[in-house]
């Protein structure tokens, strides 16, 4: 009848109990460290993204400014050309 019941496990020794609690504790600590590392990585990435976005916005603003200046210069040159053309027409006709 002893076999039918199955073997009774001996009670855990202090050593085993300590080992289990130690592994549980280290797992908890490792998980915490992993989460902290992930948070740090994420924060760094966000900072990088912010910096890149700032640079891109600056660049785009300067490009827009350059384009606006270019258009203004083109208009000015066109007006000057038209005036020259008008003067020449007056001289000819």
N, C-alpha and C. Protein backbone atom coordinates (compact mmCIF):
# COMPACT_ATOMS: atom_id res chain seq x y z
N UNK A 1 0.83 -1.19 0.00
CA UNK A 1 0.00 0.00 0.00
C UNK A 1 0.87 1.24 0.00
N UNK A 2 2.08 1.12 0.40
CA UNK A 2 3.01 2.25 0.41
C UNK A 2 3.29 2.75 -1.00
N UNK A 3 3.36 1.83 -1.97
CA UNK A 3 3.66 2.25 -3.34
C UNK A 3 2.46 2.95 -3.99
N UNK A 4 1.27 2.54 -3.66
CA UNK A 4 0.07 3.11 -4.27
C UNK A 4 -0.05 4.59 -3.92
N UNK A 5 0.34 4.95 -2.73
CA UNK A 5 0.23 6.35 -2.31
C UNK A 5 1.29 7.22 -2.99
N UNK A 6 2.38 6.61 -3.39
CA UNK A 6 3.48 7.39 -3.95
C UNK A 6 4.43 7.76 -2.83
N UNK A 7 5.63 8.14 -3.23
CA UNK A 7 6.62 8.46 -2.20
C UNK A 7 6.31 9.80 -1.57
N UNK A 8 6.52 9.87 -0.28
CA UNK A 8 6.33 11.14 0.40
C UNK A 8 7.64 11.90 0.28
N UNK A 9 7.53 13.16 -0.12
CA UNK A 9 8.76 13.95 -0.27
C UNK A 9 9.28 14.32 1.10
N UNK A 10 10.59 14.27 1.24
CA UNK A 10 11.15 14.71 2.52
C UNK A 10 10.99 16.22 2.64
N UNK A 11 10.87 16.73 3.86
CA UNK A 11 10.71 18.18 4.01
C UNK A 11 11.95 18.90 3.48
N UNK A 12 11.73 20.11 2.98
CA UNK A 12 12.85 20.86 2.40
C UNK A 12 13.82 21.27 3.50
N UNK A 13 15.08 21.16 3.16
CA UNK A 13 16.09 21.61 4.12
C UNK A 13 16.22 23.12 4.03
N UNK A 14 16.85 23.68 5.03
CA UNK A 14 17.06 25.13 5.06
C UNK A 14 17.84 25.58 3.82
N UNK A 15 18.82 24.75 3.43
CA UNK A 15 19.67 25.07 2.28
C UNK A 15 18.82 25.22 1.01
N UNK A 16 17.93 24.28 0.80
CA UNK A 16 17.07 24.31 -0.39
C UNK A 16 16.17 25.53 -0.35
N UNK A 17 15.58 25.77 0.82
CA UNK A 17 14.69 26.93 0.96
C UNK A 17 15.45 28.21 0.65
N UNK A 18 16.64 28.33 1.21
CA UNK A 18 17.46 29.52 0.97
C UNK A 18 17.79 29.68 -0.50
N UNK A 19 18.16 28.55 -1.14
CA UNK A 19 18.53 28.61 -2.56
C UNK A 19 17.35 29.10 -3.39
N UNK A 20 16.17 28.57 -3.10
CA UNK A 20 14.98 28.98 -3.87
C UNK A 20 14.66 30.45 -3.67
N UNK A 21 14.73 30.89 -2.41
CA UNK A 21 14.41 32.30 -2.17
C UNK A 21 15.47 33.18 -2.83
N UNK A 22 16.73 32.72 -2.82
CA UNK A 22 17.82 33.49 -3.46
C UNK A 22 17.56 33.63 -4.96
N UNK A 23 17.19 32.51 -5.62
CA UNK A 23 16.95 32.57 -7.07
C UNK A 23 15.75 33.47 -7.37
N UNK A 24 14.71 33.36 -6.53
CA UNK A 24 13.54 34.24 -6.72
C UNK A 24 13.95 35.70 -6.62
N UNK A 25 14.74 35.98 -5.59
CA UNK A 25 15.18 37.35 -5.33
C UNK A 25 16.06 37.87 -6.48
N UNK A 26 17.02 37.05 -6.92
CA UNK A 26 17.91 37.49 -8.01
C UNK A 26 17.11 37.70 -9.29
N UNK A 27 16.13 36.84 -9.54
CA UNK A 27 15.28 37.02 -10.73
C UNK A 27 14.57 38.37 -10.67
N UNK A 28 14.05 38.68 -9.47
CA UNK A 28 13.36 39.96 -9.29
C UNK A 28 14.31 41.11 -9.60
N UNK A 29 15.53 41.03 -9.03
CA UNK A 29 16.52 42.09 -9.22
C UNK A 29 16.90 42.21 -10.70
N UNK A 30 17.14 41.07 -11.34
CA UNK A 30 17.53 41.08 -12.76
C UNK A 30 16.43 41.70 -13.61
N UNK A 31 15.19 41.33 -13.31
CA UNK A 31 14.07 41.90 -14.07
C UNK A 31 14.01 43.41 -13.90
N UNK A 32 14.23 43.84 -12.64
CA UNK A 32 14.20 45.28 -12.36
C UNK A 32 15.29 45.99 -13.16
N UNK A 33 16.50 45.42 -13.15
CA UNK A 33 17.62 46.01 -13.89
C UNK A 33 17.30 46.07 -15.38
N UNK A 34 16.72 44.98 -15.89
CA UNK A 34 16.37 44.91 -17.31
C UNK A 34 15.39 46.03 -17.66
N UNK A 35 14.37 46.20 -16.80
CA UNK A 35 13.38 47.26 -17.04
C UNK A 35 14.04 48.63 -17.01
N UNK A 36 14.94 48.84 -16.04
CA UNK A 36 15.63 50.13 -15.95
C UNK A 36 16.44 50.39 -17.21
N UNK A 37 17.16 49.33 -17.67
CA UNK A 37 17.96 49.48 -18.89
C UNK A 37 17.08 49.84 -20.07
N UNK A 38 15.95 49.15 -20.19
CA UNK A 38 15.02 49.43 -21.28
C UNK A 38 14.53 50.88 -21.22
N UNK A 39 14.17 51.31 -20.00
CA UNK A 39 13.71 52.70 -19.84
C UNK A 39 14.79 53.67 -20.27
N UNK A 40 16.03 53.41 -19.84
CA UNK A 40 17.14 54.31 -20.21
C UNK A 40 17.32 54.35 -21.72
N UNK A 41 17.30 53.16 -22.35
CA UNK A 41 17.46 53.10 -23.81
C UNK A 41 16.36 53.91 -24.49
N UNK A 42 15.14 53.71 -24.02
CA UNK A 42 13.99 54.40 -24.61
C UNK A 42 14.14 55.91 -24.46
N UNK A 43 14.57 56.33 -23.24
CA UNK A 43 14.74 57.76 -22.99
C UNK A 43 15.81 58.33 -23.91
N UNK A 44 16.92 57.58 -24.06
CA UNK A 44 18.00 58.04 -24.95
C UNK A 44 17.50 58.17 -26.38
N UNK A 45 16.73 57.18 -26.82
CA UNK A 45 16.19 57.23 -28.18
C UNK A 45 15.27 58.44 -28.36
N UNK A 46 14.43 58.69 -27.35
CA UNK A 46 13.54 59.85 -27.43
C UNK A 46 14.34 61.14 -27.53
N UNK A 47 15.42 61.23 -26.73
CA UNK A 47 16.26 62.44 -26.78
C UNK A 47 16.89 62.60 -28.15
N UNK A 48 17.39 61.48 -28.69
CA UNK A 48 17.99 61.51 -30.04
C UNK A 48 16.96 62.00 -31.05
N UNK A 49 15.76 61.42 -30.96
CA UNK A 49 14.69 61.79 -31.90
C UNK A 49 14.39 63.28 -31.80
N UNK A 50 14.33 63.77 -30.55
CA UNK A 50 14.06 65.20 -30.34
C UNK A 50 15.14 66.04 -31.00
N UNK A 51 16.41 65.63 -30.79
CA UNK A 51 17.52 66.39 -31.36
C UNK A 51 17.45 66.37 -32.89
N UNK A 52 17.21 65.18 -33.46
CA UNK A 52 17.13 65.08 -34.92
C UNK A 52 15.99 65.92 -35.46
N UNK A 53 14.83 65.86 -34.75
CA UNK A 53 13.67 66.62 -35.21
C UNK A 53 14.01 68.11 -35.23
N UNK A 54 14.70 68.57 -34.17
CA UNK A 54 15.08 69.97 -34.08
C UNK A 54 15.96 70.35 -35.27
N UNK A 55 16.96 69.48 -35.55
CA UNK A 55 17.88 69.76 -36.66
C UNK A 55 17.14 69.81 -37.98
N UNK A 56 16.23 68.85 -38.18
CA UNK A 56 15.48 68.80 -39.44
C UNK A 56 14.61 70.04 -39.59
N UNK A 57 13.94 70.43 -38.48
CA UNK A 57 13.09 71.63 -38.54
C UNK A 57 13.92 72.86 -38.88
N UNK A 58 15.10 72.97 -38.24
CA UNK A 58 15.99 74.10 -38.53
C UNK A 58 16.35 74.10 -40.01
N UNK A 59 16.73 72.91 -40.50
CA UNK A 59 17.14 72.78 -41.90
C UNK A 59 16.01 73.18 -42.83
N UNK A 60 14.81 72.66 -42.55
CA UNK A 60 13.66 72.98 -43.40
C UNK A 60 13.36 74.47 -43.37
N UNK A 61 13.46 75.07 -42.18
CA UNK A 61 13.21 76.51 -42.07
C UNK A 61 14.22 77.28 -42.92
N UNK A 62 15.49 76.87 -42.85
CA UNK A 62 16.51 77.58 -43.63
C UNK A 62 16.27 77.38 -45.13
N UNK A 63 15.85 76.16 -45.50
CA UNK A 63 15.56 75.89 -46.92
C UNK A 63 14.41 76.77 -47.40
N UNK A 64 13.34 76.85 -46.57
CA UNK A 64 12.20 77.70 -46.93
C UNK A 64 12.63 79.15 -47.07
N UNK A 65 13.46 79.60 -46.13
CA UNK A 65 13.95 80.98 -46.15
C UNK A 65 14.74 81.22 -47.44
N UNK A 66 15.61 80.26 -47.76
CA UNK A 66 16.43 80.37 -48.97
C UNK A 66 15.53 80.44 -50.20
N UNK A 67 14.51 79.57 -50.23
CA UNK A 67 13.59 79.55 -51.38
C UNK A 67 12.86 80.89 -51.50
N UNK A 68 12.41 81.42 -50.36
CA UNK A 68 11.69 82.71 -50.37
C UNK A 68 12.62 83.81 -50.87
N UNK A 69 13.86 83.83 -50.36
CA UNK A 69 14.83 84.84 -50.81
C UNK A 69 15.08 84.71 -52.30
N UNK A 70 15.21 83.46 -52.75
CA UNK A 70 15.48 83.20 -54.17
C UNK A 70 14.34 83.73 -55.03
N UNK A 71 13.09 83.46 -54.59
CA UNK A 71 11.93 83.94 -55.34
C UNK A 71 11.89 85.47 -55.38
N UNK A 72 12.19 86.08 -54.22
CA UNK A 72 12.19 87.55 -54.16
C UNK A 72 13.24 88.11 -55.11
N UNK A 73 14.42 87.50 -55.10
CA UNK A 73 15.50 87.95 -56.00
C UNK A 73 15.07 87.79 -57.45
N UNK A 74 14.44 86.65 -57.74
CA UNK A 74 13.98 86.40 -59.12
C UNK A 74 12.98 87.46 -59.56
N UNK A 75 12.02 87.78 -58.67
CA UNK A 75 11.02 88.81 -59.00
C UNK A 75 11.70 90.15 -59.25
N UNK A 76 12.66 90.49 -58.36
CA UNK A 76 13.37 91.76 -58.50
C UNK A 76 14.10 91.81 -59.83
N UNK A 77 14.77 90.71 -60.17
CA UNK A 77 15.51 90.64 -61.43
C UNK A 77 14.56 90.77 -62.61
N UNK A 78 13.40 90.12 -62.50
CA UNK A 78 12.40 90.17 -63.58
C UNK A 78 11.92 91.61 -63.78
N UNK A 79 11.64 92.29 -62.66
CA UNK A 79 11.19 93.69 -62.73
C UNK A 79 12.27 94.54 -63.39
N UNK A 80 13.53 94.34 -62.97
CA UNK A 80 14.64 95.11 -63.55
C UNK A 80 14.74 94.84 -65.05
N UNK A 81 14.59 93.59 -65.45
CA UNK A 81 14.66 93.22 -66.87
C UNK A 81 13.53 93.89 -67.65
N UNK A 82 12.33 93.85 -67.05
CA UNK A 82 11.17 94.49 -67.71
C UNK A 82 11.41 95.98 -67.91
N UNK A 83 12.00 96.64 -66.88
CA UNK A 83 12.29 98.07 -67.00
C UNK A 83 13.29 98.33 -68.12
N UNK A 84 14.36 97.51 -68.15
CA UNK A 84 15.37 97.66 -69.20
C UNK A 84 14.72 97.48 -70.58
N UNK A 85 13.87 96.48 -70.67
CA UNK A 85 13.18 96.18 -71.93
C UNK A 85 12.32 97.37 -72.37
N UNK A 86 11.60 97.95 -71.38
CA UNK A 86 10.74 99.11 -71.67
C UNK A 86 11.59 100.28 -72.17
N UNK A 87 12.74 100.53 -71.54
CA UNK A 87 13.64 101.61 -71.97
C UNK A 87 14.10 101.38 -73.41
N UNK A 88 14.50 100.14 -73.68
CA UNK A 88 14.97 99.81 -75.03
C UNK A 88 13.85 100.01 -76.06
N UNK A 89 12.63 99.59 -75.69
CA UNK A 89 11.50 99.76 -76.61
C UNK A 89 11.27 101.24 -76.92
N UNK A 90 11.37 102.09 -75.86
CA UNK A 90 11.20 103.53 -76.05
C UNK A 90 12.26 104.08 -77.00
N UNK A 91 13.50 103.60 -76.82
CA UNK A 91 14.59 104.06 -77.68
C UNK A 91 14.35 103.66 -79.13
N UNK A 92 13.91 102.43 -79.31
CA UNK A 92 13.74 101.90 -80.67
C UNK A 92 12.54 102.55 -81.35
N UNK A 93 11.40 102.64 -80.65
CA UNK A 93 10.18 103.15 -81.30
C UNK A 93 9.98 104.61 -81.08
